[in-house]
Every structure is written in structure tokens, then in C-alpha cells.
Amino acid sequence: MTNVYSLDGLLVFGLLLVCTCAYLQKVPRLKAWLLSEKRGVWGVFYKAAVIGTRLHVAVAISCILMAFYVLVVK
């Protein structure tokens, strides 16, 4: 289990947030409900979804590397 207060825990949390928001952006009902705001606290989800869709190759590679790190190295 990863501790959220460590650097690797923050990286795992950020990657999961970006991947989840990018996935939710592809679902029409959830996109209108969750990702409609572009400012404020809810805007973080919109920005994470934009990062996940625009940098999908880099996000996928970093998810694979982080999974290897968490499962094998740590």
C-alpha cells in the first residue's frame, strides 16, 4: 500500500486522477455532469481529463512504469 504523503504516493494519486478523468470524459452522461465546469474546484477534473486525452501516450507509459515500481521495486 502506498502512503499518500510520500512522493510516490502523490504520483500514483495523480496518475489515477488523470486516467480516471480521461476515461470519464469518454462517457457522455458523466462528461456533461462532472466535467462541464472549467473553473474552480470542479475545474481540476476537467483539466486532468484534458491532460489525460492530450498526453495519452505519456500517461500510459508513466502508468506502466509506476505499476512496475510499486509492484516490483517497492
N, C-alpha and C. Protein backbone atom coordinates (compact mmCIF):
# COMPACT_ATOMS: atom_id res chain seq x y z
N MET A 1 0.84 -1.18 0.00
CA MET A 1 0.00 0.00 0.00
C MET A 1 0.89 1.24 0.00
N THR A 2 0.48 2.24 -0.76
CA THR A 2 1.29 3.45 -0.88
C THR A 2 0.76 4.52 0.06
N ASN A 3 1.68 5.22 0.65
CA ASN A 3 1.35 6.32 1.52
C ASN A 3 1.12 7.57 0.69
N VAL A 4 0.04 8.27 0.91
CA VAL A 4 -0.29 9.45 0.11
C VAL A 4 0.67 10.60 0.39
N TYR A 5 1.31 10.59 1.53
CA TYR A 5 2.17 11.68 1.92
C TYR A 5 3.60 11.54 1.41
N SER A 6 3.88 10.49 0.69
CA SER A 6 5.20 10.33 0.09
C SER A 6 5.14 10.75 -1.38
N LEU A 7 6.28 10.91 -1.99
CA LEU A 7 6.32 11.35 -3.38
C LEU A 7 5.73 10.32 -4.32
N ASP A 8 6.04 9.06 -4.11
CA ASP A 8 5.49 8.05 -4.99
C ASP A 8 3.98 7.89 -4.78
N GLY A 9 3.50 8.13 -3.59
CA GLY A 9 2.07 8.09 -3.35
C GLY A 9 1.35 9.23 -4.06
N LEU A 10 1.96 10.41 -4.06
CA LEU A 10 1.37 11.53 -4.79
C LEU A 10 1.38 11.29 -6.29
N LEU A 11 2.42 10.66 -6.80
CA LEU A 11 2.47 10.34 -8.22
C LEU A 11 1.40 9.32 -8.61
N VAL A 12 1.21 8.31 -7.76
CA VAL A 12 0.17 7.31 -8.02
C VAL A 12 -1.20 7.97 -7.99
N PHE A 13 -1.44 8.82 -7.01
CA PHE A 13 -2.72 9.52 -6.91
C PHE A 13 -2.96 10.40 -8.13
N GLY A 14 -1.94 11.14 -8.56
CA GLY A 14 -2.08 12.00 -9.73
C GLY A 14 -2.35 11.21 -10.99
N LEU A 15 -1.64 10.11 -11.17
CA LEU A 15 -1.87 9.28 -12.35
C LEU A 15 -3.27 8.67 -12.35
N LEU A 16 -3.72 8.21 -11.20
CA LEU A 16 -5.07 7.66 -11.12
C LEU A 16 -6.12 8.73 -11.39
N LEU A 17 -5.91 9.94 -10.91
CA LEU A 17 -6.84 11.03 -11.17
C LEU A 17 -6.90 11.36 -12.65
N VAL A 18 -5.75 11.46 -13.29
CA VAL A 18 -5.71 11.79 -14.72
C VAL A 18 -6.34 10.68 -15.55
N CYS A 19 -6.03 9.43 -15.25
CA CYS A 19 -6.59 8.31 -16.01
C CYS A 19 -8.10 8.19 -15.82
N THR A 20 -8.56 8.38 -14.59
CA THR A 20 -9.99 8.29 -14.32
C THR A 20 -10.76 9.42 -15.00
N CYS A 21 -10.26 10.62 -14.94
CA CYS A 21 -10.95 11.75 -15.56
C CYS A 21 -10.94 11.64 -17.08
N ALA A 22 -9.86 11.12 -17.65
CA ALA A 22 -9.81 10.92 -19.10
C ALA A 22 -10.82 9.86 -19.53
N TYR A 23 -10.98 8.83 -18.71
CA TYR A 23 -11.98 7.81 -19.02
C TYR A 23 -13.40 8.37 -18.88
N LEU A 24 -13.63 9.14 -17.84
CA LEU A 24 -14.97 9.70 -17.63
C LEU A 24 -15.34 10.71 -18.70
N GLN A 25 -14.37 11.29 -19.36
CA GLN A 25 -14.66 12.25 -20.41
C GLN A 25 -15.24 11.54 -21.64
N LYS A 26 -14.96 10.26 -21.79
CA LYS A 26 -15.49 9.50 -22.93
C LYS A 26 -16.93 9.04 -22.72
N VAL A 27 -17.43 9.08 -21.48
CA VAL A 27 -18.80 8.67 -21.18
C VAL A 27 -19.69 9.92 -21.27
N PRO A 28 -20.66 9.95 -22.19
CA PRO A 28 -21.41 11.19 -22.44
C PRO A 28 -22.17 11.75 -21.23
N ARG A 29 -22.84 10.90 -20.48
CA ARG A 29 -23.62 11.41 -19.34
C ARG A 29 -22.72 11.96 -18.24
N LEU A 30 -21.63 11.29 -17.99
CA LEU A 30 -20.72 11.74 -16.95
C LEU A 30 -19.94 12.97 -17.38
N LYS A 31 -19.67 13.09 -18.67
CA LYS A 31 -18.97 14.26 -19.16
C LYS A 31 -19.80 15.52 -18.94
N ALA A 32 -21.09 15.44 -19.21
CA ALA A 32 -21.96 16.60 -19.01
C ALA A 32 -22.15 16.92 -17.54
N TRP A 33 -22.10 15.90 -16.69
CA TRP A 33 -22.36 16.12 -15.28
C TRP A 33 -21.10 16.52 -14.50
N LEU A 34 -20.00 15.84 -14.75
CA LEU A 34 -18.81 16.03 -13.92
C LEU A 34 -17.81 16.99 -14.54
N LEU A 35 -17.67 16.98 -15.84
CA LEU A 35 -16.61 17.73 -16.49
C LEU A 35 -17.11 18.97 -17.22
N SER A 36 -18.24 19.50 -16.82
CA SER A 36 -18.77 20.68 -17.51
C SER A 36 -18.15 21.98 -17.00
N GLU A 37 -17.72 22.00 -15.74
CA GLU A 37 -17.11 23.21 -15.19
C GLU A 37 -15.64 23.28 -15.57
N LYS A 38 -15.19 24.45 -15.99
CA LYS A 38 -13.79 24.61 -16.36
C LYS A 38 -13.03 25.48 -15.37
N ARG A 39 -13.70 25.97 -14.34
CA ARG A 39 -13.08 26.81 -13.32
C ARG A 39 -13.42 26.28 -11.94
N GLY A 40 -12.61 26.68 -10.99
CA GLY A 40 -12.87 26.32 -9.60
C GLY A 40 -12.40 24.92 -9.26
N VAL A 41 -12.98 24.37 -8.22
CA VAL A 41 -12.58 23.06 -7.72
C VAL A 41 -12.93 21.98 -8.74
N TRP A 42 -14.10 22.06 -9.34
CA TRP A 42 -14.51 21.06 -10.34
C TRP A 42 -13.69 21.18 -11.61
N GLY A 43 -13.06 22.31 -11.82
CA GLY A 43 -12.21 22.50 -12.99
C GLY A 43 -10.96 21.65 -12.96
N VAL A 44 -10.58 21.20 -11.77
CA VAL A 44 -9.42 20.31 -11.66
C VAL A 44 -9.69 19.01 -12.41
N PHE A 45 -10.92 18.50 -12.30
CA PHE A 45 -11.28 17.27 -13.00
C PHE A 45 -11.25 17.49 -14.52
N TYR A 46 -11.74 18.64 -14.96
CA TYR A 46 -11.71 18.96 -16.39
C TYR A 46 -10.27 19.05 -16.89
N LYS A 47 -9.43 19.71 -16.14
CA LYS A 47 -8.03 19.87 -16.56
C LYS A 47 -7.30 18.53 -16.55
N ALA A 48 -7.61 17.68 -15.58
CA ALA A 48 -6.99 16.35 -15.56
C ALA A 48 -7.45 15.52 -16.76
N ALA A 49 -8.72 15.68 -17.15
CA ALA A 49 -9.22 14.96 -18.32
C ALA A 49 -8.56 15.45 -19.60
N VAL A 50 -8.32 16.74 -19.70
CA VAL A 50 -7.65 17.29 -20.87
C VAL A 50 -6.21 16.79 -20.94
N ILE A 51 -5.53 16.76 -19.80
CA ILE A 51 -4.15 16.25 -19.77
C ILE A 51 -4.14 14.78 -20.17
N GLY A 52 -5.09 14.02 -19.69
CA GLY A 52 -5.14 12.59 -20.00
C GLY A 52 -5.42 12.30 -21.46
N THR A 53 -6.24 13.13 -22.10
CA THR A 53 -6.54 12.87 -23.51
C THR A 53 -5.45 13.41 -24.43
N ARG A 54 -4.86 14.52 -24.10
CA ARG A 54 -3.82 15.09 -24.97
C ARG A 54 -2.49 14.38 -24.83
N LEU A 55 -2.17 13.93 -23.65
CA LEU A 55 -0.89 13.26 -23.42
C LEU A 55 -1.09 11.77 -23.12
N HIS A 56 -1.99 11.12 -23.86
CA HIS A 56 -2.36 9.75 -23.53
C HIS A 56 -1.18 8.78 -23.64
N VAL A 57 -0.26 9.01 -24.55
CA VAL A 57 0.89 8.11 -24.66
C VAL A 57 1.81 8.26 -23.45
N ALA A 58 2.10 9.48 -23.08
CA ALA A 58 2.97 9.71 -21.92
C ALA A 58 2.32 9.23 -20.62
N VAL A 59 1.01 9.41 -20.50
CA VAL A 59 0.30 8.96 -19.30
C VAL A 59 0.31 7.44 -19.24
N ALA A 60 0.11 6.77 -20.37
CA ALA A 60 0.10 5.31 -20.39
C ALA A 60 1.48 4.75 -20.03
N ILE A 61 2.53 5.36 -20.58
CA ILE A 61 3.88 4.90 -20.26
C ILE A 61 4.20 5.12 -18.79
N SER A 62 3.81 6.27 -18.26
CA SER A 62 4.09 6.53 -16.84
C SER A 62 3.26 5.62 -15.93
N CYS A 63 2.06 5.24 -16.34
CA CYS A 63 1.28 4.28 -15.55
C CYS A 63 1.95 2.91 -15.52
N ILE A 64 2.49 2.49 -16.66
CA ILE A 64 3.17 1.20 -16.70
C ILE A 64 4.44 1.24 -15.84
N LEU A 65 5.20 2.32 -15.94
CA LEU A 65 6.41 2.44 -15.13
C LEU A 65 6.09 2.51 -13.64
N MET A 66 5.03 3.22 -13.28
CA MET A 66 4.65 3.33 -11.87
C MET A 66 4.14 1.99 -11.34
N ALA A 67 3.41 1.24 -12.17
CA ALA A 67 2.97 -0.08 -11.75
C ALA A 67 4.16 -1.00 -11.51
N PHE A 68 5.15 -0.96 -12.40
CA PHE A 68 6.36 -1.75 -12.21
C PHE A 68 7.09 -1.35 -10.93
N TYR A 69 7.15 -0.05 -10.68
CA TYR A 69 7.84 0.45 -9.48
C TYR A 69 7.11 -0.02 -8.20
N VAL A 70 5.80 0.11 -8.20
CA VAL A 70 5.04 -0.24 -6.99
C VAL A 70 5.05 -1.74 -6.75
N LEU A 71 4.93 -2.54 -7.82
CA LEU A 71 4.83 -3.97 -7.64
C LEU A 71 6.18 -4.67 -7.46
N VAL A 72 7.21 -4.20 -8.16
CA VAL A 72 8.47 -4.93 -8.15
C VAL A 72 9.51 -4.24 -7.27
N VAL A 73 9.73 -2.96 -7.48
CA VAL A 73 10.81 -2.28 -6.78
C VAL A 73 10.48 -2.04 -5.33
N LYS A 74 9.31 -1.53 -5.07
CA LYS A 74 8.92 -1.18 -3.70
C LYS A 74 8.52 -2.44 -2.98
